[in-house]
C-alpha atoms as a PDB file:
ATOM      1  CA  MET A   1      26.097 120.962  92.634  1.00  0.00           C
ATOM      2  CA  ILE A   2      27.654 124.233  91.554  1.00  0.00           C
ATOM      3  CA  GLY A   3      24.879 125.229  89.113  1.00  0.00           C
ATOM      4  CA  LYS A   4      25.124 127.038  85.776  1.00  0.00           C
ATOM      5  CA  ASP A   5      27.309 129.990  86.840  1.00  0.00           C
ATOM      6  CA  LEU A   6      29.710 131.126  89.553  1.00  0.00           C
ATOM      7  CA  LEU A   7      28.499 134.568  90.565  1.00  0.00           C
ATOM      8  CA  GLN A   8      28.956 134.815  94.347  1.00  0.00           C
ATOM      9  CA  LEU A   9      29.655 132.875  97.522  1.00  0.00           C
ATOM     10  CA  ARG A  10      26.748 134.405  99.389  1.00  0.00           C
ATOM     11  CA  GLY A  11      24.098 131.710  99.530  1.00  0.00           C
ATOM     12  CA  MET A  12      26.415 128.932  98.328  1.00  0.00           C
ATOM     13  CA  SER A  13      25.986 125.778 100.378  1.00  0.00           C
ATOM     14  CA  ARG A  14      28.687 124.262 102.544  1.00  0.00           C
ATOM     15  CA  GLU A  15      28.481 121.073 100.455  1.00  0.00           C
ATOM     16  CA  THR A  16      29.157 122.963  97.222  1.00  0.00           C
ATOM     17  CA  ILE A  17      32.150 124.791  98.712  1.00  0.00           C
ATOM     18  CA  VAL A  18      33.592 121.478  99.928  1.00  0.00           C
ATOM     19  CA  GLU A  19      33.051 119.958  96.473  1.00  0.00           C
ATOM     20  CA  ILE A  20      34.954 122.817  94.824  1.00  0.00           C
ATOM     21  CA  LEU A  21      37.835 122.700  97.322  1.00  0.00           C
ATOM     22  CA  ASP A  22      38.141 118.908  97.104  1.00  0.00           C
ATOM     23  CA  THR A  23      38.165 119.077  93.306  1.00  0.00           C
ATOM     24  CA  ALA A  24      40.808 121.831  93.441  1.00  0.00           C
ATOM     25  CA  GLU A  25      43.052 119.556  95.521  1.00  0.00           C
ATOM     26  CA  GLN A  26      42.943 117.023  92.713  1.00  0.00           C
ATOM     27  CA  MET A  27      43.561 119.688  90.084  1.00  0.00           C
ATOM     28  CA  ARG A  28      46.586 120.916  92.010  1.00  0.00           C
ATOM     29  CA  GLU A  29      48.303 117.615  91.245  1.00  0.00           C
ATOM     30  CA  VAL A  30      48.270 118.503  87.530  1.00  0.00           C
ATOM     31  CA  GLY A  31      50.586 121.448  88.216  1.00  0.00           C
ATOM     32  CA  ARG A  32      53.148 119.137  89.808  1.00  0.00           C
ATOM     33  CA  ARG A  33      53.548 116.972  86.734  1.00  0.00           C
ATOM     34  CA  LYS A  34      56.161 117.287  84.037  1.00  0.00           C
ATOM     35  CA  VAL A  35      53.369 117.697  81.468  1.00  0.00           C
ATOM     36  CA  LYS A  36      50.892 120.080  83.080  1.00  0.00           C
ATOM     37  CA  LYS A  37      47.875 119.336  80.925  1.00  0.00           C
ATOM     38  CA  VAL A  38      44.787 117.113  80.981  1.00  0.00           C
ATOM     39  CA  PRO A  39      42.061 116.745  78.309  1.00  0.00           C
ATOM     40  CA  PRO A  40      38.603 117.309  79.904  1.00  0.00           C
ATOM     41  CA  LEU A  41      37.809 120.629  78.190  1.00  0.00           C
ATOM     42  CA  ARG A  42      39.287 119.883  74.797  1.00  0.00           C
ATOM     43  CA  GLY A  43      37.307 121.774  72.157  1.00  0.00           C
ATOM     44  CA  ARG A  44      35.678 124.151  74.668  1.00  0.00           C
ATOM     45  CA  LEU A  45      36.149 127.927  74.350  1.00  0.00           C
ATOM     46  CA  VAL A  46      36.729 130.079  77.438  1.00  0.00           C
ATOM     47  CA  VAL A  47      36.671 133.868  76.965  1.00  0.00           C
ATOM     48  CA  THR A  48      38.183 136.294  79.476  1.00  0.00           C
ATOM     49  CA  LEU A  49      36.355 139.636  79.436  1.00  0.00           C
ATOM     50  CA  PHE A  50      38.045 142.090  81.798  1.00  0.00           C
ATOM     51  CA  PHE A  51      36.857 145.673  82.021  1.00  0.00           C
ATOM     52  CA  GLU A  52      39.365 146.337  84.817  1.00  0.00           C
ATOM     53  CA  ASN A  53      43.081 145.702  84.993  1.00  0.00           C
ATOM     54  CA  SER A  54      44.195 142.354  86.376  1.00  0.00           C
ATOM     55  CA  THR A  55      47.345 140.279  86.482  1.00  0.00           C
ATOM     56  CA  ARG A  56      46.812 137.360  88.843  1.00  0.00           C
ATOM     57  CA  THR A  57      43.147 136.612  88.205  1.00  0.00           C
ATOM     58  CA  LYS A  58      43.203 136.930  84.421  1.00  0.00           C
ATOM     59  CA  THR A  59      46.372 134.936  83.840  1.00  0.00           C
ATOM     60  CA  SER A  60      45.265 132.375  86.422  1.00  0.00           C
ATOM     61  CA  PHE A  61      41.950 131.726  84.665  1.00  0.00           C
ATOM     62  CA  GLU A  62      43.657 131.531  81.273  1.00  0.00           C
ATOM     63  CA  LEU A  63      46.298 129.110  82.532  1.00  0.00           C
ATOM     64  CA  ALA A  64      43.616 127.031  84.267  1.00  0.00           C
ATOM     65  CA  ALA A  65      41.664 126.748  81.008  1.00  0.00           C
ATOM     66  CA  LYS A  66      44.765 125.782  79.037  1.00  0.00           C
ATOM     67  CA  ARG A  67      45.758 123.107  81.566  1.00  0.00           C
ATOM     68  CA  LEU A  68      42.326 121.587  80.969  1.00  0.00           C
ATOM     69  CA  SER A  69      42.970 121.743  77.178  1.00  0.00           C
ATOM     70  CA  ALA A  70      40.349 124.434  76.492  1.00  0.00           C
ATOM     71  CA  ASP A  71      40.843 127.116  73.858  1.00  0.00           C
ATOM     72  CA  THR A  72      41.074 130.637  75.277  1.00  0.00           C
ATOM     73  CA  LEU A  73      40.260 134.055  73.890  1.00  0.00           C
ATOM     74  CA  SER A  74      41.293 137.189  75.750  1.00  0.00           C
ATOM     75  CA  PHE A  75      39.020 140.120  74.951  1.00  0.00           C
ATOM     76  CA  ASN A  76      41.064 143.308  75.356  1.00  0.00           C
ATOM     77  CA  VAL A  77      38.567 145.944  76.413  1.00  0.00           C
ATOM     78  CA  ASN A  78      41.141 148.745  76.153  1.00  0.00           C
ATOM     79  CA  THR A  79      41.389 148.203  72.383  1.00  0.00           C
ATOM     80  CA  SER A  80      37.783 147.126  71.802  1.00  0.00           C
ATOM     81  CA  SER A  81      34.729 149.038  70.692  1.00  0.00           C
ATOM     82  CA  THR A  82      33.829 149.742  74.321  1.00  0.00           C
ATOM     83  CA  THR A  83      36.266 152.646  74.098  1.00  0.00           C
ATOM     84  CA  LYS A  84      33.982 154.024  71.370  1.00  0.00           C
ATOM     85  CA  GLY A  85      30.873 153.786  73.506  1.00  0.00           C
ATOM     86  CA  GLU A  86      29.751 150.195  72.919  1.00  0.00           C
ATOM     87  CA  THR A  87      27.633 148.872  75.793  1.00  0.00           C
ATOM     88  CA  LEU A  88      28.319 145.777  77.854  1.00  0.00           C
ATOM     89  CA  MET A  89      25.352 144.000  76.246  1.00  0.00           C
ATOM     90  CA  ASP A  90      26.522 144.838  72.727  1.00  0.00           C
ATOM     91  CA  THR A  91      29.986 143.534  73.554  1.00  0.00           C
ATOM     92  CA  ALA A  92      28.416 140.386  74.989  1.00  0.00           C
ATOM     93  CA  ARG A  93      26.342 139.869  71.838  1.00  0.00           C
ATOM     94  CA  THR A  94      29.528 140.040  69.773  1.00  0.00           C
ATOM     95  CA  ILE A  95      31.130 137.398  71.983  1.00  0.00           C
ATOM     96  CA  TYR A  96      27.960 135.297  71.802  1.00  0.00           C
ATOM     97  CA  ALA A  97      28.367 135.136  68.021  1.00  0.00           C
ATOM     98  CA  MET A  98      31.755 133.450  68.627  1.00  0.00           C
ATOM     99  CA  GLN A  99      29.934 130.610  70.456  1.00  0.00           C
ATOM    100  CA  PRO A 100      31.914 130.487  73.719  1.00  0.00           C
ATOM    101  CA  ASP A 101      31.259 127.870  76.369  1.00  0.00           C
ATOM    102  CA  ALA A 102      32.222 130.098  79.308  1.00  0.00           C
ATOM    103  CA  VAL A 103      32.992 133.764  79.867  1.00  0.00           C
ATOM    104  CA  VAL A 104      35.081 135.013  82.785  1.00  0.00           C
ATOM    105  CA  VAL A 105      33.992 138.577  83.561  1.00  0.00           C
ATOM    106  CA  ARG A 106      35.532 141.355  85.620  1.00  0.00           C
ATOM    107  CA  HIS A 107      33.650 144.640  85.697  1.00  0.00           C
ATOM    108  CA  GLY A 108      33.662 147.787  87.789  1.00  0.00           C
ATOM    109  CA  CYS A 109      29.885 147.699  88.220  1.00  0.00           C
ATOM    110  CA  ALA A 110      28.391 145.348  90.782  1.00  0.00           C
ATOM    111  CA  GLY A 111      25.958 142.942  89.134  1.00  0.00           C
ATOM    112  CA  ALA A 112      27.450 142.993  85.630  1.00  0.00           C
ATOM    113  CA  PRO A 113      28.192 139.220  85.606  1.00  0.00           C
ATOM    114  CA  HIS A 114      24.647 138.555  86.868  1.00  0.00           C
ATOM    115  CA  LEU A 115      23.278 140.546  83.916  1.00  0.00           C
ATOM    116  CA  LEU A 116      25.225 138.415  81.448  1.00  0.00           C
ATOM    117  CA  ALA A 117      24.218 135.202  83.205  1.00  0.00           C
ATOM    118  CA  ARG A 118      20.527 136.106  82.888  1.00  0.00           C
ATOM    119  CA  ASN A 119      20.737 136.964  79.209  1.00  0.00           C
ATOM    120  CA  PHE A 120      23.134 134.439  77.670  1.00  0.00           C
ATOM    121  CA  PRO A 121      23.354 130.634  77.723  1.00  0.00           C
ATOM    122  CA  TRP A 122      27.073 130.311  78.308  1.00  0.00           C
ATOM    123  CA  ARG A 123      28.549 129.808  81.746  1.00  0.00           C
ATOM    124  CA  VAL A 124      29.540 133.005  83.530  1.00  0.00           C
ATOM    125  CA  LEU A 125      32.314 133.155  86.107  1.00  0.00           C
ATOM    126  CA  ASN A 126      32.512 136.333  88.155  1.00  0.00           C
ATOM    127  CA  ALA A 127      36.132 137.510  88.378  1.00  0.00           C
ATOM    128  CA  GLY A 128      35.175 140.538  90.461  1.00  0.00           C
ATOM    129  CA  ASP A 129      32.267 142.962  90.106  1.00  0.00           C
ATOM    130  CA  GLY A 130      32.560 146.376  91.717  1.00  0.00           C
ATOM    131  CA  ILE A 131      32.638 146.065  95.493  1.00  0.00           C
ATOM    132  CA  HIS A 132      30.227 143.125  95.412  1.00  0.00           C
ATOM    133  CA  GLU A 133      32.175 139.839  95.303  1.00  0.00           C
ATOM    134  CA  HIS A 134      35.220 138.002  93.945  1.00  0.00           C
ATOM    135  CA  PRO A 135      34.164 134.384  94.519  1.00  0.00           C
ATOM    136  CA  SER A 136      37.133 132.528  93.016  1.00  0.00           C
ATOM    137  CA  GLN A 137      39.494 134.558  95.226  1.00  0.00           C
ATOM    138  CA  GLY A 138      37.460 133.640  98.285  1.00  0.00           C
ATOM    139  CA  LEU A 139      37.596 129.976  97.318  1.00  0.00           C
ATOM    140  CA  LEU A 140      41.357 129.942  96.748  1.00  0.00           C
ATOM    141  CA  ASP A 141      41.851 131.703 100.073  1.00  0.00           C
ATOM    142  CA  MET A 142      39.763 129.052 101.806  1.00  0.00           C
ATOM    143  CA  LEU A 143      41.744 126.282 100.106  1.00  0.00           C
ATOM    144  CA  THR A 144      44.987 127.887 101.299  1.00  0.00           C
ATOM    145  CA  MET A 145      43.667 128.113 104.862  1.00  0.00           C
ATOM    146  CA  ARG A 146      42.374 124.562 104.816  1.00  0.00           C
ATOM    147  CA  ASP A 147      45.780 123.247 103.738  1.00  0.00           C
ATOM    148  CA  GLN A 148      47.305 124.458 107.005  1.00  0.00           C
ATOM    149  CA  LEU A 149      44.383 124.421 109.418  1.00  0.00           C
ATOM    150  CA  LYS A 150      42.909 121.135 108.095  1.00  0.00           C
ATOM    151  CA  SER A 151      39.426 122.425 108.924  1.00  0.00           C
ATOM    152  CA  LEU A 152      37.820 125.854 108.645  1.00  0.00           C
ATOM    153  CA  ASP A 153      35.214 125.025 111.267  1.00  0.00           C
ATOM    154  CA  GLY A 154      36.019 127.123 114.328  1.00  0.00           C
ATOM    155  CA  ALA A 155      38.961 128.919 112.712  1.00  0.00           C
ATOM    156  CA  ARG A 156      39.417 132.560 113.703  1.00  0.00           C
ATOM    157  CA  VAL A 157      40.175 134.750 110.694  1.00  0.00           C
ATOM    158  CA  ALA A 158      41.080 138.440 110.993  1.00  0.00           C
ATOM    159  CA  ILE A 159      40.564 140.616 107.906  1.00  0.00           C
ATOM    160  CA  VAL A 160      42.285 143.981 108.199  1.00  0.00           C
ATOM    161  CA  GLY A 161      42.088 147.055 105.992  1.00  0.00           C
ATOM    162  CA  ASP A 162      39.689 148.471 103.450  1.00  0.00           C
ATOM    163  CA  VAL A 163      36.870 146.019 104.136  1.00  0.00           C
ATOM    164  CA  GLN A 164      34.153 148.446 103.047  1.00  0.00           C
ATOM    165  CA  HIS A 165      35.314 148.557  99.424  1.00  0.00           C
ATOM    166  CA  SER A 166      36.740 145.041  99.133  1.00  0.00           C
ATOM    167  CA  ARG A 167      34.952 142.391  97.060  1.00  0.00           C
ATOM    168  CA  VAL A 168      37.625 139.937  98.255  1.00  0.00           C
ATOM    169  CA  ALA A 169      36.615 140.551 101.868  1.00  0.00           C
ATOM    170  CA  ARG A 170      32.937 140.006 101.090  1.00  0.00           C
ATOM    171  CA  SER A 171      33.507 136.686  99.339  1.00  0.00           C
ATOM    172  CA  ASN A 172      35.782 135.507 102.137  1.00  0.00           C
ATOM    173  CA  ILE A 173      33.304 136.535 104.811  1.00  0.00           C
ATOM    174  CA  TRP A 174      30.383 134.722 103.191  1.00  0.00           C
ATOM    175  CA  GLY A 175      32.428 131.630 102.370  1.00  0.00           C
ATOM    176  CA  LEU A 176      34.254 131.365 105.688  1.00  0.00           C
ATOM    177  CA  THR A 177      31.175 131.851 107.845  1.00  0.00           C
ATOM    178  CA  THR A 178      29.339 129.213 105.802  1.00  0.00           C
ATOM    179  CA  MET A 179      32.210 126.851 106.600  1.00  0.00           C
ATOM    180  CA  GLY A 180      31.963 127.597 110.319  1.00  0.00           C
ATOM    181  CA  ALA A 181      34.824 130.071 110.731  1.00  0.00           C
ATOM    182  CA  LYS A 182      34.701 133.142 112.955  1.00  0.00           C
ATOM    183  CA  VAL A 183      35.563 136.354 111.095  1.00  0.00           C
ATOM    184  CA  VAL A 184      36.654 139.604 112.742  1.00  0.00           C
ATOM    185  CA  VAL A 185      37.465 142.760 110.803  1.00  0.00           C
ATOM    186  CA  ALA A 186      39.443 145.878 111.601  1.00  0.00           C
ATOM    187  CA  GLY A 187      40.108 149.055 109.680  1.00  0.00           C
ATOM    188  CA  PRO A 188      39.705 152.824 109.683  1.00  0.00           C
ATOM    189  CA  GLY A 189      36.162 154.069 110.202  1.00  0.00           C
ATOM    190  CA  THR A 190      35.947 155.203 106.578  1.00  0.00           C
ATOM    191  CA  MET A 191      36.969 151.739 105.362  1.00  0.00           C
ATOM    192  CA  CYS A 192      35.326 149.544 107.985  1.00  0.00           C
ATOM    193  CA  ARG A 193      32.002 151.071 108.922  1.00  0.00           C
ATOM    194  CA  ASN A 194      29.802 149.815 111.701  1.00  0.00           C
ATOM    195  CA  GLU A 195      27.072 148.348 109.529  1.00  0.00           C
ATOM    196  CA  LEU A 196      29.229 146.703 106.808  1.00  0.00           C
ATOM    197  CA  SER A 197      26.043 145.948 104.842  1.00  0.00           C
ATOM    198  CA  GLY A 198      24.895 143.373 107.395  1.00  0.00           C
ATOM    199  CA  LEU A 199      27.880 141.073 106.957  1.00  0.00           C
ATOM    200  CA  PRO A 200      28.227 138.354 109.636  1.00  0.00           C
ATOM    201  CA  VAL A 201      31.405 139.711 111.239  1.00  0.00           C
ATOM    202  CA  GLU A 202      32.707 141.248 114.442  1.00  0.00           C
ATOM    203  CA  ARG A 203      34.300 144.680 114.103  1.00  0.00           C
ATOM    204  CA  ARG A 204      37.384 145.925 115.955  1.00  0.00           C
ATOM    205  CA  HIS A 205      39.131 149.275 115.855  1.00  0.00           C
ATOM    206  CA  THR A 206      42.817 148.500 115.233  1.00  0.00           C
ATOM    207  CA  ILE A 207      44.967 145.658 114.004  1.00  0.00           C
ATOM    208  CA  ASP A 208      46.314 145.224 117.548  1.00  0.00           C
ATOM    209  CA  ASP A 209      42.805 144.196 118.621  1.00  0.00           C
ATOM    210  CA  VAL A 210      42.696 141.186 116.283  1.00  0.00           C
ATOM    211  CA  VAL A 211      46.189 139.738 115.726  1.00  0.00           C
ATOM    212  CA  LYS A 212      46.684 138.012 119.067  1.00  0.00           C
ATOM    213  CA  ASP A 213      43.881 135.470 118.740  1.00  0.00           C
ATOM    214  CA  ALA A 214      43.868 134.967 114.974  1.00  0.00           C
ATOM    215  CA  ASP A 215      44.652 131.717 113.180  1.00  0.00           C
ATOM    216  CA  VAL A 216      44.789 133.692 109.929  1.00  0.00           C
ATOM    217  CA  ILE A 217      45.527 137.384 109.328  1.00  0.00           C
ATOM    218  CA  MET A 218      44.411 138.634 105.919  1.00  0.00           C
ATOM    219  CA  LEU A 219      45.596 142.088 104.876  1.00  0.00           C
ATOM    220  CA  LEU A 220      43.666 144.022 102.241  1.00  0.00           C
ATOM    221  CA  ARG A 221      44.914 146.534  99.720  1.00  0.00           C
ATOM    222  CA  ILE A 222      43.610 150.075  99.984  1.00  0.00           C
ATOM    223  CA  GLN A 223      41.093 150.416  97.133  1.00  0.00           C
ATOM    224  CA  HIS A 224      42.300 153.779  95.831  1.00  0.00           C
ATOM    225  CA  GLU A 225      40.460 153.337  92.526  1.00  0.00           C
ATOM    226  CA  ARG A 226      37.119 152.977  94.344  1.00  0.00           C
ATOM    227  CA  LEU A 227      37.484 155.626  97.038  1.00  0.00           C
ATOM    228  CA  GLY A 228      37.115 158.758  94.931  1.00  0.00           C
ATOM    229  CA  ARG A 229      38.732 160.857  97.656  1.00  0.00           C
ATOM    230  CA  ALA A 230      41.369 160.534 100.341  1.00  0.00           C
ATOM    231  CA  VAL A 231      40.218 158.702 103.456  1.00  0.00           C
ATOM    232  CA  LEU A 232      43.523 158.866 105.320  1.00  0.00           C
ATOM    233  CA  PRO A 233      46.093 161.634 105.512  1.00  0.00           C
ATOM    234  CA  SER A 234      48.896 159.373 104.287  1.00  0.00           C
ATOM    235  CA  PRO A 235      49.968 155.753 103.663  1.00  0.00           C
ATOM    236  CA  ARG A 236      52.451 156.241 106.499  1.00  0.00           C
ATOM    237  CA  GLU A 237      49.639 156.846 108.990  1.00  0.00           C
ATOM    238  CA  TYR A 238      47.743 153.831 107.664  1.00  0.00           C
ATOM    239  CA  ALA A 239      50.841 151.642 108.149  1.00  0.00           C
ATOM    240  CA  ALA A 240      51.256 152.927 111.702  1.00  0.00           C
ATOM    241  CA  PHE A 241      47.726 151.974 112.770  1.00  0.00           C
ATOM    242  CA  TYR A 242      46.767 149.096 110.469  1.00  0.00           C
ATOM    243  CA  GLY A 243      49.909 147.707 108.826  1.00  0.00           C
ATOM    244  CA  LEU A 244      51.302 144.313 109.790  1.00  0.00           C
ATOM    245  CA  ASP A 245      54.993 144.662 110.591  1.00  0.00           C
ATOM    246  CA  LEU A 246      57.335 142.274 112.421  1.00  0.00           C
ATOM    247  CA  ALA A 247      56.572 143.820 115.805  1.00  0.00           C
ATOM    248  CA  ARG A 248      52.883 143.119 115.395  1.00  0.00           C
ATOM    249  CA  LEU A 249      53.532 139.697 113.896  1.00  0.00           C
ATOM    250  CA  ARG A 250      55.406 138.754 117.096  1.00  0.00           C
ATOM    251  CA  MET A 251      52.194 139.488 119.014  1.00  0.00           C
ATOM    252  CA  ALA A 252      50.410 136.756 117.050  1.00  0.00           C
ATOM    253  CA  ARG A 253      50.578 132.999 117.419  1.00  0.00           C
ATOM    254  CA  PRO A 254      53.826 131.455 116.128  1.00  0.00           C
ATOM    255  CA  ASP A 255      51.899 129.403 113.561  1.00  0.00           C
ATOM    256  CA  VAL A 256      49.630 132.221 112.366  1.00  0.00           C
ATOM    257  CA  MET A 257      49.035 132.344 108.604  1.00  0.00           C
ATOM    258  CA  VAL A 258      49.492 135.703 106.856  1.00  0.00           C
ATOM    259  CA  MET A 259      47.584 136.270 103.622  1.00  0.00           C
ATOM    260  CA  HIS A 260      47.097 139.033 101.067  1.00  0.00           C
ATOM    261  CA  PRO A 261      45.101 138.855  97.799  1.00  0.00           C
ATOM    262  CA  GLY A 262      47.561 141.137  96.000  1.00  0.00           C
ATOM    263  CA  PRO A 263      48.835 143.332  94.624  1.00  0.00           C
ATOM    264  CA  ILE A 264      50.880 144.148  97.716  1.00  0.00           C
ATOM    265  CA  ASN A 265      51.753 147.656  98.856  1.00  0.00           C
ATOM    266  CA  ARG A 266      54.900 146.779 100.778  1.00  0.00           C
ATOM    267  CA  GLY A 267      55.411 148.988 103.785  1.00  0.00           C
ATOM    268  CA  VAL A 268      51.754 150.065 103.855  1.00  0.00           C
ATOM    269  CA  GLU A 269      49.350 147.225 104.682  1.00  0.00           C
ATOM    270  CA  ILE A 270      52.162 144.692 105.083  1.00  0.00           C
ATOM    271  CA  GLY A 271      55.867 144.975 105.826  1.00  0.00           C
ATOM    272  CA  ALA A 272      58.303 143.576 103.278  1.00  0.00           C
ATOM    273  CA  ASP A 273      59.851 141.258 105.868  1.00  0.00           C
ATOM    274  CA  VAL A 274      56.401 139.961 106.817  1.00  0.00           C
ATOM    275  CA  ALA A 275      55.408 139.362 103.188  1.00  0.00           C
ATOM    276  CA  ASP A 276      58.524 137.220 102.756  1.00  0.00           C
ATOM    277  CA  SER A 277      58.343 135.492 106.135  1.00  0.00           C
ATOM    278  CA  GLU A 278      57.711 131.829 106.872  1.00  0.00           C
ATOM    279  CA  GLN A 279      54.186 132.680 108.013  1.00  0.00           C
ATOM    280  CA  SER A 280      53.339 134.233 104.650  1.00  0.00           C
ATOM    281  CA  ALA A 281      51.037 132.189 102.403  1.00  0.00           C
ATOM    282  CA  ILE A 282      50.920 134.751  99.593  1.00  0.00           C
ATOM    283  CA  LEU A 283      52.670 132.606  96.983  1.00  0.00           C
ATOM    284  CA  ALA A 284      50.613 129.579  98.018  1.00  0.00           C
ATOM    285  CA  GLN A 285      47.524 131.670  97.276  1.00  0.00           C
ATOM    286  CA  VAL A 286      48.749 132.202  93.715  1.00  0.00           C
ATOM    287  CA  THR A 287      49.398 128.479  93.207  1.00  0.00           C
ATOM    288  CA  ASN A 288      46.027 127.558  94.671  1.00  0.00           C
ATOM    289  CA  GLY A 289      44.353 130.136  92.457  1.00  0.00           C
ATOM    290  CA  ILE A 290      45.164 128.081  89.374  1.00  0.00           C
ATOM    291  CA  ALA A 291      43.871 124.877  90.988  1.00  0.00           C
ATOM    292  CA  VAL A 292      40.614 126.466  92.162  1.00  0.00           C
ATOM    293  CA  ARG A 293      39.931 128.005  88.759  1.00  0.00           C
ATOM    294  CA  MET A 294      40.662 124.676  87.092  1.00  0.00           C
ATOM    295  CA  ALA A 295      38.138 123.101  89.456  1.00  0.00           C
ATOM    296  CA  LEU A 296      35.523 125.738  88.676  1.00  0.00           C
ATOM    297  CA  LEU A 297      35.913 125.386  84.913  1.00  0.00           C
ATOM    298  CA  TYR A 298      35.844 121.606  85.211  1.00  0.00           C
ATOM    299  CA  LEU A 299      32.729 121.558  87.402  1.00  0.00           C
ATOM    300  CA  LEU A 300      30.920 124.048  85.164  1.00  0.00           C
ATOM    301  CA  LEU A 301      31.943 122.627  81.787  1.00  0.00           C
ATOM    302  CA  GLY A 302      33.371 119.163  82.104  1.00  0.00           C
ATOM    303  CA  SER A 303      31.995 117.354  85.122  1.00  0.00           C
ATOM    304  CA  ASP A 304      29.104 115.916  83.126  1.00  0.00           C
ATOM    305  CA  GLU A 305      31.585 114.028  80.940  1.00  0.00           C
ATOM    306  CA  ARG A 306      34.419 112.938  83.264  1.00  0.00           C
ATOM    307  CA  ARG A 307      34.805 112.228  86.943  1.00  0.00           C
ATOM    308  CA  PRO A 308      37.439 114.183  88.919  1.00  0.00           C
ATOM    309  CA  ASP A 309      39.515 111.043  89.472  1.00  0.00           C
ATOM    310  CA  GLU A 310      39.737 110.559  85.715  1.00  0.00           C
ATOM    311  CA  VAL A 311      41.017 114.117  85.352  1.00  0.00           C
ATOM    312  CA  SER A 312      43.553 113.564  88.107  1.00  0.00           C
ATOM    313  CA  HIS A 313      45.003 110.581  86.230  1.00  0.00           C
ATOM    314  CA  GLY A 314      44.762 112.183  82.809  1.00  0.00           C
ATOM    315  CA  VAL A 315      42.337 109.635  81.364  1.00  0.00           C
ATOM    316  CA  ASP A 316      41.072 110.694  77.947  1.00  0.00           C
END
């Protein structure tokens, strides 16, 4: 069982991950219908509370809630009282008075969603907290990999780039290793340090060291907003040593899967021709993001009332 909240993939059981991914496969069918809506969360209120900018994650959660017939409320932090000095807890108390059923939180401080989960009764879904985790992104990435590889057990996944500051990398590493995958990472020393906070990964020095044997190559965006200072002389140098271009892609297996959580810096971590290639699964990640977030909302809010097969067939 998924529990009250979705805060991280670290410590999540293999059985729970499989349950989420299997449910997401059923939810994905809703998006293929002419009428893309089912009733399980009718009357429920889902609030999105984003203290950092987001396009894919925020809109994906909102669309997922609407496809399950929930009401949604987007809390715009940039025009809220937080700009006047209101604390996170005071903002949360205001939202609590609106009686939400679930709150999707993105915050620049690691642990912020955990704080809300401890202090409020509604379900909390972590949409990214500092450099800690981004669990729904990790889950949608695993669903995308499983679609092609059929099984994650024994898969070799290479994560390249700013691993040190990436919450996406952390969620993927914890989730993938739980599912039996082998994860190797590569990046500049300032972005991929030796210790990597004890994560269960192998570390390599350059992208050339990991692409040849990989079933999946995941490129990460440079986290400029979290670095505070320059860690490389230029994006051009980063692309030369760690970017995935066509020449490097030809070194990989013909059926290798190329992934990127977005937003993409074309010509830096990934070449434009690679991003648009047949091996690219970037758009599939976006599609699967809606299905995974539908599954999470359903399992947290609606699974006690309807079975997944009833949702799949739109039974009210």
